[in-house]
C-alpha cells in the first residue's frame, strides 16, 4: 500500500512533491549508501528492512506542522561565565536592555586600613569579554548603585529577577563600548597598558561608598561573609537606548577585573586595597524587553496570542526574549499504511531576510509538560547528526529528528510539541525571524523533509 496523504475539506491546501525513483536508479542509490565512508542517516534501520521495501522521499508542507511564538518564561542567569551589559534597539524585536547585580570579596581577610584612612579614589576595572551585538559607536549611559539587598551565590536567580538598591548613582557614565581597545593609564615612563576594559571612577560624584568600606569595623573585615553583609555589592543599570545601541559582554572573573580603593592614612600615602569577584561571589544578569516599537503583526502574535500569525512568521530571541512552540503532525493521521519506517526526517527552519547577526545555534527540545522540556532522542547522536547550527549560505537551520518522529508514529511517546529557542540564551541576545508555511506553492518556508520506507509494500 502506498503512503497516502488525506486532508479534510476544511484544511488548507498542502503541497507535496513525491519524488519516486525509477527502477534503474534504486540500485545506484543503495550502492552509494553501502559504499559511503560515513554511516548515512538514511540507512537507519536498513539492516532489518525487507529487501522489497520501497524507499520514498517526501518534501512536504504539512498541514499539521505549525507553530506560534511567545515570550520566554524566564531563564537562569546566575554565575554565568560572562555577563552582558548595554542596550540595543532592533526594528522587529524592540529594545533589549541588560543589567547586572554583582558581589565583591575581600582579597585578604582581617585587613586593617590603618589610623584615620581617607579615600583618594575608588575605581572599578571591568574586563570586556570580546562579544558585541549592535552598533558600538552609539553613546550609552550606565548607572551604578550600591545594592541594599543580600544576594547569594548558592541561590537560583532568573533573567526576570529584580534588585533593590540605594538611590545614589556613583557612575552616571556616558561611554561607547570599546571592546577591542587597550587602555593606557598614566603618562610617559609611568604609562601602563591594560587589556580592553571599562575603567569607572566610583568616587567622582561622591566618595561615600569608598569611605564606607575604609570605615568598616574590624569585625566586618574578618571574613568575606561578614564583609558582604556590610557591602552587599553593586547594581549596574543600563539606560535603554532609543536607536541603534549595542549589547556586549564583560567578565568579572578575568584577571584585572576588580575594584581598587586608593587611600592614605595618618602614617602612609599612596596605599591601595583590592576587592574582587570570584567563585564565591554572586553575579546575576537581568534583562528588560520593550516591544512597544515592534511591528503590529509581531505584537499581535507574541504579546496578544494570535497563534494564526505563526503560519506567516515565527520568532526566536535570546537574552530571555522569545521562544517558538512547534507542533509536528501525527503522521498516523495522514496515511493508510500500517507500517512506516523513517529513514530520515529533517525539520527546516528558514529565515525571512538575512539578519545582520544570526544566532550561531538554535536549540530544539520536546515539551514534557507544564513548560518543562527534555532533549530529543536524536540529540544524543551528536551535533553533527542532530544539527541546529546556522547555515549562512542558505539562511536556515536544519534539525534531524528521525528517531523522535518514529517514536511519535509508534506511539512510544506523546506529541506534546517542541520548543525552539536560541541556544545559550542566558547570555546570547541574537534573534531570528522564521519564514512560515502559509503560502501554497512556496517551497521555501518551514517544512519537514522526509525519507521513509513503506513496509506495507514489502508484503
Protein backbone atom coordinates (compact mmCIF):
# COMPACT_ATOMS: atom_id res chain seq x y z
CA UNK A 1 0.00 0.00 0.00
CA UNK A 2 1.41 3.42 -0.86
CA UNK A 3 1.92 6.32 1.55
CA UNK A 4 -1.20 8.48 1.07
CA UNK A 5 -1.96 11.94 2.39
CA UNK A 6 -5.59 12.51 3.44
CA UNK A 7 -6.68 16.03 4.37
CA UNK A 8 -10.16 17.24 5.28
CA UNK A 9 -12.03 19.67 3.01
CA UNK A 10 -11.59 22.42 5.61
CA UNK A 11 -7.83 22.00 5.76
CA UNK A 12 -5.59 24.37 3.86
CA UNK A 13 -4.26 23.04 0.60
CA UNK A 14 -0.91 21.41 1.16
CA UNK A 15 1.71 20.89 -1.49
CA UNK A 16 3.62 17.66 -1.62
CA UNK A 17 6.15 16.58 -4.20
CA UNK A 18 6.69 12.85 -4.09
CA UNK A 19 9.91 12.02 -5.88
CA UNK A 20 9.62 8.43 -6.96
CA UNK A 21 12.86 6.85 -8.01
CA UNK A 22 12.75 4.80 -11.20
CA UNK A 23 13.88 1.20 -11.02
CA UNK A 24 17.24 1.81 -12.63
CA UNK A 25 18.12 4.50 -10.02
CA UNK A 26 17.23 2.39 -6.96
CA UNK A 27 20.26 0.06 -7.21
CA UNK A 28 22.53 3.10 -7.65
CA UNK A 29 21.08 4.75 -4.55
CA UNK A 30 21.64 1.69 -2.39
CA UNK A 31 25.18 1.26 -3.74
CA UNK A 32 26.02 4.83 -2.79
CA UNK A 33 24.66 4.27 0.68
CA UNK A 34 26.50 0.98 1.05
CA UNK A 35 29.90 2.29 0.00
CA UNK A 36 29.73 5.59 1.89
CA UNK A 37 32.70 6.07 4.22
CA UNK A 38 30.40 7.54 6.87
CA UNK A 39 27.21 5.98 8.08
CA UNK A 40 24.42 7.90 6.38
CA UNK A 41 21.35 8.78 8.43
CA UNK A 42 19.32 7.35 5.53
CA UNK A 43 20.48 3.87 6.47
CA UNK A 44 18.96 3.87 9.94
CA UNK A 45 17.29 0.50 10.40
CA UNK A 46 18.29 -0.61 6.89
CA UNK A 47 19.69 -3.91 8.12
CA UNK A 48 16.27 -5.06 9.33
CA UNK A 49 14.18 -3.91 6.35
CA UNK A 50 12.76 -6.46 3.91
CA UNK A 51 14.56 -6.47 0.57
CA UNK A 52 11.44 -5.43 -1.34
CA UNK A 53 10.64 -2.48 0.94
CA UNK A 54 10.49 0.75 -1.06
CA UNK A 55 12.49 3.84 -0.12
CA UNK A 56 10.49 7.02 -0.80
CA UNK A 57 11.08 10.73 -0.39
CA UNK A 58 8.51 13.34 0.58
CA UNK A 59 9.12 17.07 0.58
CA UNK A 60 6.03 18.49 2.16
CA UNK A 61 4.31 21.42 3.79
CA UNK A 62 2.35 19.54 6.40
CA UNK A 63 -1.00 20.90 7.44
CA UNK A 64 -0.09 19.58 10.87
CA UNK A 65 3.26 21.42 11.06
CA UNK A 66 2.65 24.78 12.65
CA UNK A 67 3.84 26.98 15.48
CA UNK A 68 3.49 30.26 17.31
CA UNK A 69 5.90 32.45 19.25
CA UNK A 70 5.62 33.52 22.88
CA UNK A 71 7.73 35.44 25.40
CA UNK A 72 10.18 33.32 27.40
CA UNK A 73 9.03 32.44 30.91
CA UNK A 74 12.46 33.05 32.45
CA UNK A 75 15.94 31.59 32.25
CA UNK A 76 18.70 31.04 34.81
CA UNK A 77 21.25 33.86 34.70
CA UNK A 78 23.27 33.47 37.91
CA UNK A 79 27.01 32.75 38.00
CA UNK A 80 27.48 32.92 34.24
CA UNK A 81 31.00 32.70 32.84
CA UNK A 82 30.40 36.11 31.27
CA UNK A 83 27.78 38.78 31.76
CA UNK A 84 26.02 41.21 29.45
CA UNK A 85 25.61 44.96 29.66
CA UNK A 86 24.21 47.67 27.42
CA UNK A 87 21.08 48.33 25.43
CA UNK A 88 20.17 47.71 21.80
CA UNK A 89 17.29 48.71 19.52
CA UNK A 90 16.03 46.37 16.78
CA UNK A 91 13.29 47.26 14.29
CA UNK A 92 11.50 43.95 14.92
CA UNK A 93 12.46 42.99 18.47
CA UNK A 94 12.33 46.45 20.05
CA UNK A 95 14.75 47.46 22.81
CA UNK A 96 16.69 44.92 24.88
CA UNK A 97 18.49 46.20 27.98
CA UNK A 98 20.93 44.20 30.11
CA UNK A 99 21.66 44.88 33.80
CA UNK A 100 23.90 43.13 36.36
CA UNK A 101 23.92 42.61 40.12
CA UNK A 102 27.37 41.63 41.41
CA UNK A 103 29.12 40.97 44.71
CA UNK A 104 32.77 41.61 45.58
CA UNK A 105 35.03 39.88 48.07
CA UNK A 106 37.96 40.86 50.23
CA UNK A 107 41.29 39.81 48.69
CA UNK A 108 42.66 39.40 52.19
CA UNK A 109 40.60 38.88 55.32
CA UNK A 110 41.44 40.62 58.57
CA UNK A 111 42.75 43.67 56.71
CA UNK A 112 43.46 46.92 58.56
CA UNK A 113 43.37 50.25 56.76
CA UNK A 114 45.38 51.97 59.48
CA UNK A 115 44.65 55.04 61.54
CA UNK A 116 42.22 57.54 60.05
CA UNK A 117 42.07 56.11 56.48
CA UNK A 118 40.88 58.62 53.88
CA UNK A 119 39.75 57.77 50.36
CA UNK A 120 41.62 59.23 47.40
CA UNK A 121 39.57 57.39 44.77
CA UNK A 122 37.57 54.20 44.20
CA UNK A 123 37.98 52.77 40.70
CA UNK A 124 36.20 49.85 39.07
CA UNK A 125 38.12 47.92 36.42
CA UNK A 126 35.85 45.59 34.43
CA UNK A 127 37.30 43.50 31.60
CA UNK A 128 35.45 43.12 28.31
CA UNK A 129 34.89 39.53 27.21
CA UNK A 130 35.07 40.23 23.45
CA UNK A 131 31.47 39.82 22.22
CA UNK A 132 29.36 42.72 20.99
CA UNK A 133 25.99 42.79 19.24
CA UNK A 134 24.96 46.01 17.53
CA UNK A 135 26.44 49.44 16.92
CA UNK A 136 29.49 50.02 19.12
CA UNK A 137 29.62 53.72 18.17
CA UNK A 138 26.36 54.54 19.96
CA UNK A 139 26.91 56.56 23.14
CA UNK A 140 25.29 54.76 26.05
CA UNK A 141 24.61 55.62 29.67
CA UNK A 142 25.48 53.40 32.65
CA UNK A 143 24.33 53.92 36.23
CA UNK A 144 25.91 52.09 39.19
CA UNK A 145 24.23 51.85 42.58
CA UNK A 146 25.02 50.15 45.86
CA UNK A 147 22.77 47.13 46.45
CA UNK A 148 20.72 47.19 49.60
CA UNK A 149 19.54 43.58 49.41
CA UNK A 150 21.52 40.42 50.01
CA UNK A 151 22.27 38.17 47.05
CA UNK A 152 23.68 34.66 47.39
CA UNK A 153 25.98 32.63 45.19
CA UNK A 154 24.18 29.39 46.11
CA UNK A 155 20.69 30.68 45.23
CA UNK A 156 18.96 30.50 41.85
CA UNK A 157 18.16 33.74 40.03
CA UNK A 158 16.45 34.31 36.72
CA UNK A 159 16.65 36.88 33.96
CA UNK A 160 13.50 38.50 35.37
CA UNK A 161 14.92 38.94 38.87
CA UNK A 162 14.73 42.47 40.27
CA UNK A 163 17.11 44.04 42.76
CA UNK A 164 16.71 46.88 45.22
CA UNK A 165 19.46 49.44 45.60
CA UNK A 166 20.25 52.79 47.14
CA UNK A 167 19.32 55.90 45.21
CA UNK A 168 22.72 57.48 44.70
CA UNK A 169 24.29 56.90 41.27
CA UNK A 170 28.07 56.50 41.63
CA UNK A 171 28.73 56.41 37.87
CA UNK A 172 26.26 58.18 35.56
CA UNK A 173 28.75 57.29 32.86
CA UNK A 174 28.48 58.18 29.17
CA UNK A 175 30.55 55.73 27.14
CA UNK A 176 30.93 53.72 23.95
CA UNK A 177 31.91 50.05 24.41
CA UNK A 178 35.46 49.78 23.04
CA UNK A 179 35.74 46.03 23.45
CA UNK A 180 38.97 45.68 21.43
CA UNK A 181 40.85 48.80 22.56
CA UNK A 182 43.63 48.63 25.13
CA UNK A 183 43.51 51.12 27.98
CA UNK A 184 46.54 53.30 28.74
CA UNK A 185 46.80 54.69 32.26
CA UNK A 186 49.39 57.28 33.22
CA UNK A 187 51.87 59.09 31.01
CA UNK A 188 55.40 58.67 29.71
CA UNK A 189 57.56 56.16 31.58
CA UNK A 190 54.75 55.74 34.10
CA UNK A 191 52.21 54.66 31.48
CA UNK A 192 50.58 51.28 31.96
CA UNK A 193 48.77 49.49 29.12
CA UNK A 194 45.83 47.34 30.19
CA UNK A 195 43.70 44.85 28.22
CA UNK A 196 40.35 46.16 26.87
CA UNK A 197 38.17 47.08 29.84
CA UNK A 198 35.87 49.64 31.39
CA UNK A 199 37.59 51.95 33.89
CA UNK A 200 34.98 53.69 36.04
CA UNK A 201 35.75 56.07 38.88
CA UNK A 202 33.12 55.40 41.52
CA UNK A 203 34.17 58.35 43.66
CA UNK A 204 33.95 61.22 41.18
CA UNK A 205 30.37 62.02 42.16
CA UNK A 206 30.73 61.09 45.81
CA UNK A 207 33.42 59.48 47.99
CA UNK A 208 30.82 57.97 50.32
CA UNK A 209 30.89 54.36 49.08
CA UNK A 210 34.67 54.05 49.19
CA UNK A 211 34.87 55.78 52.54
CA UNK A 212 32.18 53.45 53.89
CA UNK A 213 34.46 50.49 53.16
CA UNK A 214 37.51 52.18 54.70
CA UNK A 215 35.50 52.99 57.82
CA UNK A 216 34.33 49.39 58.29
CA UNK A 217 34.80 47.91 61.75
CA UNK A 218 37.48 45.25 62.14
CA UNK A 219 34.75 42.66 62.77
CA UNK A 220 33.32 43.42 59.30
CA UNK A 221 36.72 42.81 57.70
CA UNK A 222 37.33 39.48 59.43
CA UNK A 223 35.74 37.36 56.67
CA UNK A 224 34.09 37.51 53.26
CA UNK A 225 30.70 36.62 54.70
CA UNK A 226 30.67 39.47 57.22
CA UNK A 227 32.03 41.89 54.61
CA UNK A 228 29.31 41.01 52.08
CA UNK A 229 26.67 41.66 54.72
CA UNK A 230 28.18 45.13 55.12
CA UNK A 231 28.82 45.87 51.42
CA UNK A 232 26.24 43.85 49.52
CA UNK A 233 27.53 44.66 46.04
CA UNK A 234 26.75 46.83 43.03
CA UNK A 235 23.85 47.10 40.61
CA UNK A 236 24.82 48.02 37.05
CA UNK A 237 21.84 49.60 35.32
CA UNK A 238 22.00 50.30 31.58
CA UNK A 239 19.84 53.12 30.29
CA UNK A 240 17.58 51.96 27.39
CA UNK A 241 18.58 53.40 24.02
CA UNK A 242 16.09 54.88 21.56
CA UNK A 243 18.01 53.84 18.45
CA UNK A 244 20.95 51.63 17.47
CA UNK A 245 22.94 50.73 20.59
CA UNK A 246 24.77 47.52 21.42
CA UNK A 247 24.82 44.69 23.92
CA UNK A 248 28.27 43.49 24.95
CA UNK A 249 29.86 41.03 27.36
CA UNK A 250 32.05 41.68 30.38
CA UNK A 251 33.87 39.20 32.61
CA UNK A 252 34.17 39.73 36.37
CA UNK A 253 36.42 36.67 36.69
CA UNK A 254 39.17 37.73 34.30
CA UNK A 255 42.43 38.89 35.85
CA UNK A 256 42.27 42.64 36.30
CA UNK A 257 38.52 42.86 36.90
CA UNK A 258 38.42 44.42 40.35
CA UNK A 259 37.67 47.44 42.50
CA UNK A 260 40.72 49.29 43.83
CA UNK A 261 40.49 51.62 46.79
CA UNK A 262 43.25 54.22 46.60
CA UNK A 263 43.71 55.83 50.02
CA UNK A 264 46.06 57.23 52.63
CA UNK A 265 46.14 57.20 56.42
CA UNK A 266 47.96 59.07 59.15
CA UNK A 267 51.11 57.06 58.53
CA UNK A 268 51.33 56.46 54.77
CA UNK A 269 50.29 57.86 51.40
CA UNK A 270 49.58 56.05 48.10
CA UNK A 271 48.01 52.97 49.65
CA UNK A 272 45.57 50.68 47.85
CA UNK A 273 43.34 47.71 48.53
CA UNK A 274 41.58 45.44 46.04
CA UNK A 275 38.10 43.93 46.05
CA UNK A 276 37.41 41.19 43.52
CA UNK A 277 34.76 38.87 42.17
CA UNK A 278 35.45 35.15 42.34
CA UNK A 279 33.84 31.72 42.56
CA UNK A 280 32.05 32.56 45.82
CA UNK A 281 30.56 35.89 44.73
CA UNK A 282 27.16 36.14 43.05
CA UNK A 283 26.85 37.59 39.53
CA UNK A 284 23.38 37.85 38.02
CA UNK A 285 22.10 39.20 34.71
CA UNK A 286 18.63 40.65 34.35
CA UNK A 287 17.02 41.65 31.05
CA UNK A 288 14.31 44.09 30.09
CA UNK A 289 12.44 43.91 26.76
CA UNK A 290 10.39 46.78 25.37
CA UNK A 291 8.37 45.68 22.32
CA UNK A 292 6.31 48.87 22.05
CA UNK A 293 8.03 49.82 18.77
CA UNK A 294 7.80 46.33 17.23
CA UNK A 295 5.61 45.73 14.13
CA UNK A 296 1.88 45.18 14.67
CA UNK A 297 1.87 41.57 13.45
CA UNK A 298 4.74 40.78 15.84
CA UNK A 299 2.86 42.21 18.82
CA UNK A 300 -0.40 40.52 17.82
CA UNK A 301 1.27 37.11 17.81
CA UNK A 302 3.85 37.35 20.61
CA UNK A 303 2.10 39.65 23.06
CA UNK A 304 -1.60 39.23 22.23
CA UNK A 305 -1.53 35.49 21.50
CA UNK A 306 -2.80 35.40 17.88
CA UNK A 307 -1.44 31.94 17.04
CA UNK A 308 -2.70 32.02 13.43
CA UNK A 309 0.04 34.53 12.55
CA UNK A 310 2.58 31.77 13.11
CA UNK A 311 1.79 30.49 9.62
CA UNK A 312 3.36 33.67 8.26
CA UNK A 313 6.30 34.33 10.59
CA UNK A 314 7.80 32.95 13.77
CA UNK A 315 10.39 34.43 16.11
CA UNK A 316 13.21 33.42 18.42
CA UNK A 317 15.25 35.84 20.54
CA UNK A 318 17.94 35.24 23.14
CA UNK A 319 18.53 37.08 26.42
CA UNK A 320 15.19 35.91 27.83
CA UNK A 321 13.33 37.16 24.77
CA UNK A 322 11.11 34.88 22.69
CA UNK A 323 10.74 31.17 22.01
CA UNK A 324 8.60 29.31 19.49
CA UNK A 325 6.27 26.40 20.21
CA UNK A 326 6.16 23.93 17.30
CA UNK A 327 3.64 21.18 16.63
CA UNK A 328 4.65 18.41 14.26
CA UNK A 329 1.98 16.21 12.63
CA UNK A 330 0.90 12.87 13.99
CA UNK A 331 1.66 11.03 10.78
CA UNK A 332 -0.69 8.19 11.63
CA UNK A 333 -3.48 10.61 10.77
CA UNK A 334 -2.10 11.10 7.26
CA UNK A 335 -1.51 7.57 5.97
CA UNK A 336 -3.38 4.33 5.35
CA UNK A 337 -0.13 2.41 5.74
CA UNK A 338 0.11 0.30 8.84
CA UNK A 339 3.92 0.10 8.80
CA UNK A 340 6.21 3.02 8.02
CA UNK A 341 9.91 3.31 8.92
CA UNK A 342 11.50 6.75 8.77
CA UNK A 343 14.98 6.73 7.30
CA UNK A 344 15.45 10.46 7.73
CA UNK A 345 13.27 13.37 8.83
CA UNK A 346 14.60 16.91 8.65
CA UNK A 347 12.97 19.98 10.14
CA UNK A 348 13.96 23.01 8.04
CA UNK A 349 13.86 26.43 9.74
CA UNK A 350 14.39 29.15 7.07
CA UNK A 351 14.75 32.88 7.68
CA UNK A 352 12.79 35.89 6.47
CA UNK A 353 15.57 38.05 5.08
CA UNK A 354 19.15 37.64 6.22
CA UNK A 355 19.84 39.04 9.70
CA UNK A 356 22.90 41.12 10.48
CA UNK A 357 23.69 38.78 13.37
CA UNK A 358 22.04 35.35 13.38
CA UNK A 359 22.22 33.04 16.40
CA UNK A 360 25.08 30.61 15.96
CA UNK A 361 22.84 27.78 17.13
CA UNK A 362 19.19 27.14 17.91
CA UNK A 363 18.01 24.58 20.42
CA UNK A 364 15.13 22.17 19.83
CA UNK A 365 13.64 20.18 22.72
CA UNK A 366 10.46 18.25 23.39
CA UNK A 367 7.82 19.60 25.74
CA UNK A 368 7.27 17.27 28.67
CA UNK A 369 4.57 19.24 30.46
CA UNK A 370 3.94 22.42 32.45
CA UNK A 371 6.53 24.29 30.35
CA UNK A 372 9.25 21.77 31.22
CA UNK A 373 11.24 20.15 28.46
CA UNK A 374 13.76 17.41 27.72
CA UNK A 375 16.26 16.63 24.93
CA UNK A 376 15.09 14.80 21.82
CA UNK A 377 16.47 11.30 21.43
CA UNK A 378 18.16 12.43 18.20
CA UNK A 379 20.30 14.91 20.12
CA UNK A 380 22.19 12.05 21.75
CA UNK A 381 23.56 11.15 18.30
CA UNK A 382 25.75 14.26 18.48
CA UNK A 383 25.63 17.72 16.96
CA UNK A 384 26.89 16.64 13.53
CA UNK A 385 23.83 14.38 13.26
CA UNK A 386 21.23 16.43 15.12
CA UNK A 387 22.12 19.82 13.60
CA UNK A 388 20.92 23.24 14.74
CA UNK A 389 23.81 25.40 13.52
CA UNK A 390 23.16 28.40 11.33
CA UNK A 391 23.90 27.96 7.61
CA UNK A 392 24.64 31.44 6.30
CA UNK A 393 24.60 30.43 2.63
CA UNK A 394 21.04 29.07 2.84
CA UNK A 395 19.94 31.31 5.74
CA UNK A 396 18.42 28.42 7.62
CA UNK A 397 18.76 25.92 10.45
CA UNK A 398 18.27 22.18 9.92
CA UNK A 399 17.45 19.62 12.60
CA UNK A 400 17.40 15.88 12.04
CA UNK A 401 14.52 14.46 14.12
CA UNK A 402 14.19 10.97 12.65
CA UNK A 403 14.07 8.97 15.86
CA UNK A 404 11.71 11.42 17.51
CA UNK A 405 9.23 11.21 14.61
CA UNK A 406 9.45 7.41 14.60
CA UNK A 407 8.62 7.35 18.32
CA UNK A 408 5.57 9.54 17.68
CA UNK A 409 4.44 7.25 14.87
CA UNK A 410 4.73 4.14 17.01
CA UNK A 411 3.06 5.86 19.96
CA UNK A 412 6.07 5.41 22.25
CA UNK A 413 5.73 8.98 23.48
CA UNK A 414 3.05 11.69 23.46
CA UNK A 415 3.09 14.50 20.92
CA UNK A 416 3.24 17.47 23.29
CA UNK A 417 5.10 19.68 20.85
CA UNK A 418 8.56 21.21 20.71
CA UNK A 419 10.28 24.33 21.98
CA UNK A 420 12.61 26.19 19.62
CA UNK A 421 14.86 28.86 21.13
CA UNK A 422 18.29 30.46 20.93
CA UNK A 423 20.98 28.17 22.33
CA UNK A 424 22.76 29.71 25.31
CA UNK A 425 20.04 32.34 25.58
CA UNK A 426 21.14 33.37 29.08
CA UNK A 427 23.95 35.43 27.54
CA UNK A 428 23.31 35.32 23.77
CA UNK A 429 20.94 38.08 22.61
CA UNK A 430 20.73 37.26 18.90
CA UNK A 431 17.35 36.91 17.18
CA UNK A 432 15.90 35.28 14.07
CA UNK A 433 12.67 35.69 12.08
CA UNK A 434 11.41 32.37 10.69
CA UNK A 435 9.51 32.05 7.44
CA UNK A 436 6.22 30.25 7.99
CA UNK A 437 4.48 27.72 5.75
CA UNK A 438 1.40 29.70 4.80
CA UNK A 439 1.64 30.09 1.04
CA UNK A 440 0.69 27.29 -1.33
CA UNK A 441 3.39 26.58 -3.89
CA UNK A 442 6.14 28.35 -1.91
CA UNK A 443 8.72 25.66 -1.26
CA UNK A 444 11.00 27.82 0.91
CA UNK A 445 9.01 28.03 4.16
CA UNK A 446 9.31 25.98 7.33
CA UNK A 447 8.86 22.34 6.44
CA UNK A 448 9.58 18.69 7.06
CA UNK A 449 11.61 16.72 4.55
CA UNK A 450 11.07 13.00 4.91
CA UNK A 451 12.75 9.88 3.58
CA UNK A 452 10.78 6.83 4.59
CA UNK A 453 10.30 3.16 3.84
CA UNK A 454 6.75 1.86 3.33
CA UNK A 455 6.88 -1.58 4.88
CA UNK A 456 3.37 -2.43 3.63
CA UNK A 457 4.82 -2.58 0.11
CA UNK A 458 7.02 -5.44 1.27
CA UNK A 459 4.02 -7.67 1.94
